[in-house]
């Protein structure tokens, strides 16, 4: 998703400033299962978990939300974050 995807990723990480890791992690897992990985979907699921109410996220009404395509991360991908290349 390029630069917009990175922004969404950071927004999801920032949920940890307010909510517990287990709540955010559960919401992320649920969003992936639903195929809705956008920040708005994850935030909605987090709030539903905190408020103990069922989510009202019918993806038929949100066709613009990106579908999840989660691949396996290669450890060498993290090397670029440290300014190094993989050996």
PDB file of N, CA and C in Angstrom:
ATOM      1  N   UNK A   1       0.821  -1.205   0.000  1.00  0.00           N
ATOM      2  CA  UNK A   1       0.000   0.000   0.000  1.00  0.00           C
ATOM      3  C   UNK A   1       0.856   1.256   0.000  1.00  0.00           C
ATOM      4  N   UNK A   2       2.164   1.081  -0.017  1.00  0.00           N
ATOM      5  CA  UNK A   2       3.039   2.235  -0.125  1.00  0.00           C
ATOM      6  C   UNK A   2       2.985   3.163   1.080  1.00  0.00           C
ATOM      7  N   UNK A   3       3.144   4.452   0.820  1.00  0.00           N
ATOM      8  CA  UNK A   3       3.187   5.450   1.882  1.00  0.00           C
ATOM      9  C   UNK A   3       1.882   5.500   2.694  1.00  0.00           C
ATOM     10  N   UNK A   4       0.693   5.446   2.040  1.00  0.00           N
ATOM     11  CA  UNK A   4      -0.546   5.423   2.834  1.00  0.00           C
ATOM     12  C   UNK A   4      -0.621   4.206   3.766  1.00  0.00           C
ATOM     13  N   UNK A   5      -0.087   3.067   3.312  1.00  0.00           N
ATOM     14  CA  UNK A   5      -0.070   1.872   4.152  1.00  0.00           C
ATOM     15  C   UNK A   5       0.817   2.037   5.366  1.00  0.00           C
ATOM     16  N   UNK A   6       1.933   2.732   5.177  1.00  0.00           N
ATOM     17  CA  UNK A   6       2.834   2.991   6.312  1.00  0.00           C
ATOM     18  C   UNK A   6       2.163   3.895   7.334  1.00  0.00           C
ATOM     19  N   UNK A   7       1.422   4.880   6.851  1.00  0.00           N
ATOM     20  CA  UNK A   7       0.692   5.776   7.779  1.00  0.00           C
ATOM     21  C   UNK A   7      -0.339   4.987   8.580  1.00  0.00           C
ATOM     22  N   UNK A   8      -1.079   4.104   7.889  1.00  0.00           N
ATOM     23  CA  UNK A   8      -2.090   3.293   8.580  1.00  0.00           C
ATOM     24  C   UNK A   8      -1.422   2.398   9.621  1.00  0.00           C
ATOM     25  N   UNK A   9      -0.285   1.828   9.270  1.00  0.00           N
ATOM     26  CA  UNK A   9       0.453   0.965  10.190  1.00  0.00           C
ATOM     27  C   UNK A   9       0.844   1.735  11.447  1.00  0.00           C
ATOM     28  N   UNK A  10       1.354   2.942  11.264  1.00  0.00           N
ATOM     29  CA  UNK A  10       1.745   3.772  12.405  1.00  0.00           C
ATOM     30  C   UNK A  10       0.520   4.134  13.239  1.00  0.00           C
ATOM     31  N   UNK A  11      -0.593   4.433  12.588  1.00  0.00           N
ATOM     32  CA  UNK A  11      -1.817   4.756  13.338  1.00  0.00           C
ATOM     33  C   UNK A  11      -2.252   3.566  14.188  1.00  0.00           C
ATOM     34  N   UNK A  12      -2.161   2.366  13.640  1.00  0.00           N
ATOM     35  CA  UNK A  12      -2.512   1.171  14.417  1.00  0.00           C
ATOM     36  C   UNK A  12      -1.555   1.026  15.593  1.00  0.00           C
ATOM     37  N   UNK A  13      -0.263   1.231  15.366  1.00  0.00           N
ATOM     38  CA  UNK A  13       0.699   1.156  16.472  1.00  0.00           C
ATOM     39  C   UNK A  13       0.387   2.181  17.560  1.00  0.00           C
ATOM     40  N   UNK A  14      -0.083   3.346  17.157  1.00  0.00           N
ATOM     41  CA  UNK A  14      -0.376   4.399  18.135  1.00  0.00           C
ATOM     42  C   UNK A  14      -1.566   4.037  19.019  1.00  0.00           C
ATOM     43  N   UNK A  15      -2.376   3.071  18.614  1.00  0.00           N
ATOM     44  CA  UNK A  15      -3.460   2.604  19.483  1.00  0.00           C
ATOM     45  C   UNK A  15      -2.890   2.054  20.795  1.00  0.00           C
ATOM     46  N   UNK A  16      -1.637   1.604  20.745  1.00  0.00           N
ATOM     47  CA  UNK A  16      -0.991   1.066  21.945  1.00  0.00           C
ATOM     48  C   UNK A  16      -0.706   2.144  22.982  1.00  0.00           C
ATOM     49  N   UNK A  17      -0.766   3.396  22.584  1.00  0.00           N
ATOM     50  CA  UNK A  17      -0.593   4.493  23.542  1.00  0.00           C
ATOM     51  C   UNK A  17      -1.787   4.591  24.486  1.00  0.00           C
ATOM     52  N   UNK A  18      -2.933   4.097  24.025  1.00  0.00           N
ATOM     53  CA  UNK A  18      -4.167   4.224  24.794  1.00  0.00           C
ATOM     54  C   UNK A  18      -4.713   2.891  25.298  1.00  0.00           C
ATOM     55  N   UNK A  19      -4.517   1.834  24.498  1.00  0.00           N
ATOM     56  CA  UNK A  19      -5.126   0.540  24.809  1.00  0.00           C
ATOM     57  C   UNK A  19      -4.059  -0.505  25.087  1.00  0.00           C
ATOM     58  N   UNK A  20      -4.458  -1.539  25.820  1.00  0.00           N
ATOM     59  CA  UNK A  20      -3.538  -2.618  26.168  1.00  0.00           C
ATOM     60  C   UNK A  20      -3.156  -3.423  24.930  1.00  0.00           C
ATOM     61  N   UNK A  21      -1.950  -3.969  24.976  1.00  0.00           N
ATOM     62  CA  UNK A  21      -1.433  -4.762  23.864  1.00  0.00           C
ATOM     63  C   UNK A  21      -2.382  -5.911  23.498  1.00  0.00           C
ATOM     64  N   UNK A  22      -2.903  -6.610  24.490  1.00  0.00           N
ATOM     65  CA  UNK A  22      -3.765  -7.762  24.211  1.00  0.00           C
ATOM     66  C   UNK A  22      -5.037  -7.351  23.469  1.00  0.00           C
ATOM     67  N   UNK A  23      -5.576  -6.183  23.798  1.00  0.00           N
ATOM     68  CA  UNK A  23      -6.789  -5.697  23.134  1.00  0.00           C
ATOM     69  C   UNK A  23      -6.483  -5.343  21.684  1.00  0.00           C
ATOM     70  N   UNK A  24      -5.395  -4.626  21.465  1.00  0.00           N
ATOM     71  CA  UNK A  24      -5.017  -4.227  20.104  1.00  0.00           C
ATOM     72  C   UNK A  24      -4.658  -5.463  19.281  1.00  0.00           C
ATOM     73  N   UNK A  25      -3.910  -6.371  19.873  1.00  0.00           N
ATOM     74  CA  UNK A  25      -3.517  -7.580  19.158  1.00  0.00           C
ATOM     75  C   UNK A  25      -4.743  -8.406  18.769  1.00  0.00           C
ATOM     76  N   UNK A  26      -5.689  -8.545  19.673  1.00  0.00           N
ATOM     77  CA  UNK A  26      -6.917  -9.282  19.368  1.00  0.00           C
ATOM     78  C   UNK A  26      -7.699  -8.630  18.241  1.00  0.00           C
ATOM     79  N   UNK A  27      -7.762  -7.300  18.264  1.00  0.00           N
ATOM     80  CA  UNK A  27      -8.478  -6.572  17.212  1.00  0.00           C
ATOM     81  C   UNK A  27      -7.779  -6.722  15.867  1.00  0.00           C
ATOM     82  N   UNK A  28      -6.456  -6.695  15.874  1.00  0.00           N
ATOM     83  CA  UNK A  28      -5.704  -6.878  14.630  1.00  0.00           C
ATOM     84  C   UNK A  28      -5.949  -8.273  14.068  1.00  0.00           C
ATOM     85  N   UNK A  29      -5.885  -9.283  14.918  1.00  0.00           N
ATOM     86  CA  UNK A  29      -6.150 -10.653  14.463  1.00  0.00           C
ATOM     87  C   UNK A  29      -7.555 -10.779  13.888  1.00  0.00           C
ATOM     88  N   UNK A  30      -8.509 -10.165  14.552  1.00  0.00           N
ATOM     89  CA  UNK A  30      -9.892 -10.208  14.081  1.00  0.00           C
ATOM     90  C   UNK A  30     -10.023  -9.476  12.743  1.00  0.00           C
ATOM     91  N   UNK A  31      -9.354  -8.348  12.611  1.00  0.00           N
ATOM     92  CA  UNK A  31      -9.404  -7.590  11.357  1.00  0.00           C
ATOM     93  C   UNK A  31      -8.799  -8.398  10.213  1.00  0.00           C
ATOM     94  N   UNK A  32      -7.690  -9.074  10.475  1.00  0.00           N
ATOM     95  CA  UNK A  32      -7.066  -9.907   9.442  1.00  0.00           C
ATOM     96  C   UNK A  32      -8.005 -11.032   9.038  1.00  0.00           C
ATOM     97  N   UNK A  33      -8.639 -11.665  10.031  1.00  0.00           N
ATOM     98  CA  UNK A  33      -9.596 -12.739   9.730  1.00  0.00           C
ATOM     99  C   UNK A  33     -10.752 -12.235   8.878  1.00  0.00           C
ATOM    100  N   UNK A  34     -11.148 -10.988   9.108  1.00  0.00           N
ATOM    101  CA  UNK A  34     -12.258 -10.394   8.359  1.00  0.00           C
ATOM    102  C   UNK A  34     -11.805  -9.860   7.002  1.00  0.00           C
ATOM    103  N   UNK A  35     -10.503  -9.725   6.821  1.00  0.00           N
ATOM    104  CA  UNK A  35      -9.986  -9.167   5.580  1.00  0.00           C
ATOM    105  C   UNK A  35     -10.050  -7.653   5.542  1.00  0.00           C
ATOM    106  N   UNK A  36     -10.124  -7.022   6.713  1.00  0.00           N
ATOM    107  CA  UNK A  36     -10.189  -5.552   6.795  1.00  0.00           C
ATOM    108  C   UNK A  36      -9.022  -5.071   7.632  1.00  0.00           C
ATOM    109  N   UNK A  37      -7.967  -4.621   6.974  1.00  0.00           N
ATOM    110  CA  UNK A  37      -6.753  -4.268   7.709  1.00  0.00           C
ATOM    111  C   UNK A  37      -6.576  -2.765   7.863  1.00  0.00           C
ATOM    112  N   UNK A  38      -7.556  -1.988   7.488  1.00  0.00           N
ATOM    113  CA  UNK A  38      -7.450  -0.531   7.595  1.00  0.00           C
ATOM    114  C   UNK A  38      -7.497  -0.098   9.057  1.00  0.00           C
ATOM    115  N   UNK A  39      -6.873   1.031   9.335  1.00  0.00           N
ATOM    116  CA  UNK A  39      -6.842   1.583  10.687  1.00  0.00           C
ATOM    117  C   UNK A  39      -8.250   1.752  11.250  1.00  0.00           C
ATOM    118  N   UNK A  40      -9.158   2.281  10.457  1.00  0.00           N
ATOM    119  CA  UNK A  40     -10.527   2.509  10.944  1.00  0.00           C
ATOM    120  C   UNK A  40     -11.181   1.212  11.399  1.00  0.00           C
ATOM    121  N   UNK A  41     -10.947   0.142  10.672  1.00  0.00           N
ATOM    122  CA  UNK A  41     -11.521  -1.149  11.046  1.00  0.00           C
ATOM    123  C   UNK A  41     -10.902  -1.656  12.341  1.00  0.00           C
ATOM    124  N   UNK A  42      -9.579  -1.552  12.455  1.00  0.00           N
ATOM    125  CA  UNK A  42      -8.897  -2.018  13.667  1.00  0.00           C
ATOM    126  C   UNK A  42      -9.343  -1.193  14.871  1.00  0.00           C
ATOM    127  N   UNK A  43      -9.422   0.116  14.707  1.00  0.00           N
ATOM    128  CA  UNK A  43      -9.855   0.972  15.816  1.00  0.00           C
ATOM    129  C   UNK A  43     -11.284   0.623  16.242  1.00  0.00           C
ATOM    130  N   UNK A  44     -12.157   0.402  15.278  1.00  0.00           N
ATOM    131  CA  UNK A  44     -13.535   0.017  15.589  1.00  0.00           C
ATOM    132  C   UNK A  44     -13.557  -1.279  16.401  1.00  0.00           C
ATOM    133  N   UNK A  45     -12.757  -2.256  15.979  1.00  0.00           N
ATOM    134  CA  UNK A  45     -12.722  -3.536  16.691  1.00  0.00           C
ATOM    135  C   UNK A  45     -12.122  -3.390  18.087  1.00  0.00           C
ATOM    136  N   UNK A  46     -11.137  -2.512  18.240  1.00  0.00           N
ATOM    137  CA  UNK A  46     -10.566  -2.249  19.572  1.00  0.00           C
ATOM    138  C   UNK A  46     -11.640  -1.665  20.488  1.00  0.00           C
ATOM    139  N   UNK A  47     -12.343  -0.662  19.993  1.00  0.00           N
ATOM    140  CA  UNK A  47     -13.380  -0.026  20.818  1.00  0.00           C
ATOM    141  C   UNK A  47     -14.485  -1.007  21.174  1.00  0.00           C
ATOM    142  N   UNK A  48     -14.843  -1.874  20.251  1.00  0.00           N
ATOM    143  CA  UNK A  48     -15.865  -2.880  20.544  1.00  0.00           C
ATOM    144  C   UNK A  48     -15.397  -3.835  21.636  1.00  0.00           C
ATOM    145  N   UNK A  49     -14.126  -4.192  21.600  1.00  0.00           N
ATOM    146  CA  UNK A  49     -13.592  -5.075  22.642  1.00  0.00           C
ATOM    147  C   UNK A  49     -13.611  -4.385  24.003  1.00  0.00           C
ATOM    148  N   UNK A  50     -13.230  -3.115  24.044  1.00  0.00           N
ATOM    149  CA  UNK A  50     -13.187  -2.374  25.308  1.00  0.00           C
ATOM    150  C   UNK A  50     -14.599  -2.170  25.850  1.00  0.00           C
ATOM    151  N   UNK A  51     -15.531  -1.837  24.968  1.00  0.00           N
ATOM    152  CA  UNK A  51     -16.909  -1.557  25.378  1.00  0.00           C
ATOM    153  C   UNK A  51     -17.760  -2.818  25.484  1.00  0.00           C
ATOM    154  N   UNK A  52     -17.154  -3.968  25.161  1.00  0.00           N
ATOM    155  CA  UNK A  52     -17.834  -5.264  25.241  1.00  0.00           C
ATOM    156  C   UNK A  52     -19.149  -5.270  24.452  1.00  0.00           C
ATOM    157  N   UNK A  53     -19.037  -4.840  23.204  1.00  0.00           N
ATOM    158  CA  UNK A  53     -20.190  -4.866  22.313  1.00  0.00           C
ATOM    159  C   UNK A  53     -19.773  -5.496  20.997  1.00  0.00           C
ATOM    160  N   UNK A  54     -20.720  -6.072  20.290  1.00  0.00           N
ATOM    161  CA  UNK A  54     -20.356  -6.728  19.024  1.00  0.00           C
ATOM    162  C   UNK A  54     -19.986  -5.698  17.958  1.00  0.00           C
ATOM    163  N   UNK A  55     -19.042  -6.047  17.107  1.00  0.00           N
ATOM    164  CA  UNK A  55     -18.667  -5.117  16.039  1.00  0.00           C
ATOM    165  C   UNK A  55     -19.769  -4.995  15.001  1.00  0.00           C
ATOM    166  N   UNK A  56     -19.902  -3.827  14.432  1.00  0.00           N
ATOM    167  CA  UNK A  56     -20.866  -3.589  13.371  1.00  0.00           C
ATOM    168  C   UNK A  56     -20.082  -3.225  12.121  1.00  0.00           C
ATOM    169  N   UNK A  57     -19.307  -4.169  11.673  1.00  0.00           N
ATOM    170  CA  UNK A  57     -18.426  -3.924  10.546  1.00  0.00           C
ATOM    171  C   UNK A  57     -18.767  -4.914   9.437  1.00  0.00           C
ATOM    172  N   UNK A  58     -19.746  -4.548   8.648  1.00  0.00           N
ATOM    173  CA  UNK A  58     -20.139  -5.362   7.508  1.00  0.00           C
ATOM    174  C   UNK A  58     -19.365  -4.833   6.303  1.00  0.00           C
ATOM    175  N   UNK A  59     -18.439  -5.621   5.822  1.00  0.00           N
ATOM    176  CA  UNK A  59     -17.553  -5.152   4.766  1.00  0.00           C
ATOM    177  C   UNK A  59     -18.274  -4.883   3.446  1.00  0.00           C
ATOM    178  N   UNK A  60     -19.492  -5.347   3.292  1.00  0.00           N
ATOM    179  CA  UNK A  60     -20.257  -5.023   2.086  1.00  0.00           C
ATOM    180  C   UNK A  60     -20.530  -3.527   2.003  1.00  0.00           C
ATOM    181  N   UNK A  61     -20.565  -2.860   3.151  1.00  0.00           N
ATOM    182  CA  UNK A  61     -20.811  -1.418   3.185  1.00  0.00           C
ATOM    183  C   UNK A  61     -19.527  -0.597   3.070  1.00  0.00           C
ATOM    184  N   UNK A  62     -18.375  -1.280   3.100  1.00  0.00           N
ATOM    185  CA  UNK A  62     -17.080  -0.606   3.049  1.00  0.00           C
ATOM    186  C   UNK A  62     -16.196  -1.220   1.953  1.00  0.00           C
ATOM    187  N   UNK A  63     -16.603  -1.115   0.707  1.00  0.00           N
ATOM    188  CA  UNK A  63     -15.814  -1.764  -0.359  1.00  0.00           C
ATOM    189  C   UNK A  63     -14.446  -1.123  -0.559  1.00  0.00           C
ATOM    190  N   UNK A  64     -14.231   0.082  -0.029  1.00  0.00           N
ATOM    191  CA  UNK A  64     -12.956   0.770  -0.212  1.00  0.00           C
ATOM    192  C   UNK A  64     -11.887   0.297   0.762  1.00  0.00           C
ATOM    193  N   UNK A  65     -12.272  -0.471   1.787  1.00  0.00           N
ATOM    194  CA  UNK A  65     -11.270  -0.957   2.731  1.00  0.00           C
ATOM    195  C   UNK A  65     -10.379  -1.979   2.042  1.00  0.00           C
ATOM    196  N   UNK A  66      -9.079  -1.882   2.237  1.00  0.00           N
ATOM    197  CA  UNK A  66      -8.173  -2.820   1.573  1.00  0.00           C
ATOM    198  C   UNK A  66      -8.306  -4.227   2.147  1.00  0.00           C
ATOM    199  N   UNK A  67      -8.161  -5.204   1.301  1.00  0.00           N
ATOM    200  CA  UNK A  67      -8.175  -6.603   1.729  1.00  0.00           C
ATOM    201  C   UNK A  67      -6.803  -6.957   2.273  1.00  0.00           C
ATOM    202  N   UNK A  68      -6.793  -7.821   3.262  1.00  0.00           N
ATOM    203  CA  UNK A  68      -5.527  -8.231   3.879  1.00  0.00           C
ATOM    204  C   UNK A  68      -4.774  -9.183   2.958  1.00  0.00           C
ATOM    205  N   UNK A  69      -3.497  -8.924   2.809  1.00  0.00           N
ATOM    206  CA  UNK A  69      -2.605  -9.816   2.080  1.00  0.00           C
ATOM    207  C   UNK A  69      -1.337  -9.887   2.916  1.00  0.00           C
ATOM    208  N   UNK A  70      -1.339 -10.788   3.882  1.00  0.00           N
ATOM    209  CA  UNK A  70      -0.262 -10.861   4.855  1.00  0.00           C
ATOM    210  C   UNK A  70       0.697 -11.967   4.455  1.00  0.00           C
ATOM    211  N   UNK A  71       1.936 -11.594   4.224  1.00  0.00           N
ATOM    212  CA  UNK A  71       2.958 -12.568   3.850  1.00  0.00           C
ATOM    213  C   UNK A  71       3.925 -12.799   4.996  1.00  0.00           C
ATOM    214  N   UNK A  72       4.816 -13.726   4.793  1.00  0.00           N
ATOM    215  CA  UNK A  72       5.835 -14.022   5.785  1.00  0.00           C
ATOM    216  C   UNK A  72       6.944 -12.975   5.684  1.00  0.00           C
ATOM    217  N   UNK A  73       7.327 -12.426   6.803  1.00  0.00           N
ATOM    218  CA  UNK A  73       8.383 -11.417   6.833  1.00  0.00           C
ATOM    219  C   UNK A  73       9.749 -12.094   6.850  1.00  0.00           C
ATOM    220  N   UNK A  74      10.635 -11.593   6.024  1.00  0.00           N
ATOM    221  CA  UNK A  74      12.013 -12.073   6.015  1.00  0.00           C
ATOM    222  C   UNK A  74      12.815 -11.241   7.017  1.00  0.00           C
ATOM    223  N   UNK A  75      13.621 -11.876   7.854  1.00  0.00           N
ATOM    224  CA  UNK A  75      14.428 -11.113   8.807  1.00  0.00           C
ATOM    225  C   UNK A  75      15.310 -10.066   8.135  1.00  0.00           C
ATOM    226  N   UNK A  76      15.740 -10.335   6.912  1.00  0.00           N
ATOM    227  CA  UNK A  76      16.601  -9.377   6.222  1.00  0.00           C
ATOM    228  C   UNK A  76      15.874  -8.064   5.940  1.00  0.00           C
ATOM    229  N   UNK A  77      14.554  -8.090   5.929  1.00  0.00           N
ATOM    230  CA  UNK A  77      13.783  -6.864   5.702  1.00  0.00           C
ATOM    231  C   UNK A  77      14.035  -5.845   6.808  1.00  0.00           C
ATOM    232  N   UNK A  78      14.309  -6.315   8.009  1.00  0.00           N
ATOM    233  CA  UNK A  78      14.520  -5.414   9.130  1.00  0.00           C
ATOM    234  C   UNK A  78      15.909  -4.774   9.102  1.00  0.00           C
ATOM    235  N   UNK A  79      16.813  -5.384   8.373  1.00  0.00           N
ATOM    236  CA  UNK A  79      18.164  -4.840   8.307  1.00  0.00           C
ATOM    237  C   UNK A  79      18.178  -3.464   7.681  1.00  0.00           C
ATOM    238  N   UNK A  80      17.278  -3.213   6.729  1.00  0.00           N
ATOM    239  CA  UNK A  80      17.234  -1.899   6.092  1.00  0.00           C
ATOM    240  C   UNK A  80      16.826  -0.816   7.092  1.00  0.00           C
ATOM    241  N   UNK A  81      16.077  -1.178   8.104  1.00  0.00           N
ATOM    242  CA  UNK A  81      15.694  -0.222   9.140  1.00  0.00           C
ATOM    243  C   UNK A  81      16.900   0.231   9.960  1.00  0.00           C
ATOM    244  N   UNK A  82      17.883  -0.637  10.036  1.00  0.00           N
ATOM    245  CA  UNK A  82      19.083  -0.316  10.810  1.00  0.00           C
ATOM    246  C   UNK A  82      20.181   0.231   9.911  1.00  0.00           C
ATOM    247  N   UNK A  83      19.862   0.457   8.634  1.00  0.00           N
ATOM    248  CA  UNK A  83      20.840   1.019   7.722  1.00  0.00           C
ATOM    249  C   UNK A  83      21.900   0.021   7.283  1.00  0.00           C
ATOM    250  N   UNK A  84      21.554  -1.249   7.379  1.00  0.00           N
ATOM    251  CA  UNK A  84      22.490  -2.304   6.974  1.00  0.00           C
ATOM    252  C   UNK A  84      21.854  -3.157   5.886  1.00  0.00           C
ATOM    253  N   UNK A  85      22.685  -3.858   5.179  1.00  0.00           N
ATOM    254  CA  UNK A  85      22.185  -4.801   4.193  1.00  0.00           C
ATOM    255  C   UNK A  85      22.382  -6.204   4.721  1.00  0.00           C
ATOM    256  N   UNK A  86      21.538  -7.103   4.249  1.00  0.00           N
ATOM    257  CA  UNK A  86      21.653  -8.503   4.702  1.00  0.00           C
ATOM    258  C   UNK A  86      22.886  -9.145   4.087  1.00  0.00           C
ATOM    259  N   UNK A  87      23.488 -10.033   4.841  1.00  0.00           N
ATOM    260  CA  UNK A  87      24.696 -10.703   4.350  1.00  0.00           C
ATOM    261  C   UNK A  87      24.349 -11.864   3.465  1.00  0.00           C
TER     262      UNK A  87
END
